[in-house]
């Protein structure tokens, strides 16, 4: 398998530096964008795919590791430590600490259980070098439903299963997924996701809106949706760090060209991934 190492990871390192210097504070969207020179939606995804965890998860881990050091090497009370590393109260700190280290902070303090070796965060290598096509996506009217989900295959499958319970014409229809902004600090990449059909349901009147109408970098994912995470990883931990393109703030669009609902089982499934560019 080919490996491609990005030559421009400064946005990731700047973000890591910002978090580590301000781990005990709420980091604003503006600060994150200024440090990375990306929109917060894009730096969230770049960080996740490059470092293997979300910004929120990394910040939380740094908070807890600093707290563990204070438990071992200072005489601060647990309540004081919780506040010093940015938790609102002792209860939320204790719960997070036990989830992270599988030991209660009170027990760690009384037994002086050694701190687990700090896991290094290292950018991962992408599996291939991508060469997207720049396309113009015509404005398209779609009928949709919105859900707020963790962007994982199981969640996507469930909302599409529910969406397809609506009755749609079997011919002349196109299906899209809109991946909108996710929160800044979140352990999982929760996002607003729209399931969309180009034709109105015959069983339920769905709201409509227009998508597209601009330039996009078009990537093609071949294979089942279960493996689309690999393509996103190649985009956000590889290609996006080397391109000179500037990205717009409209949602990324997935267009399902060949999928189980509109193809035979023998055919390879195909998904277009459209990233908006200015």
Foldseek 3Di string as FASTA:
>chain_A
DDWDAAPFCQLLVLLVVVCLVPLQDDDDQVNSCVSRVARLQLSQLLNCLFQVFGSQQVSLVSLLLVLLCCLQPHDDDLQVSCNVSHHPGSVVSQVSNCVVPVDGSVVCNVVVDDDDPDDDGGTDIAPDADDFDKDADAKAKKFKDKDWAQPAPVVVVVVVVVVPVFADDLPPKWWKKWWAGADNNDRGRTTIIMTIMSDAGPRDGGDMDIDTGAIWGKDKDKADPNCVVSVSSCVSNPHVSPDPFAFDRGTKMKIWDDDPSNHDPVDITMIIITTHTD
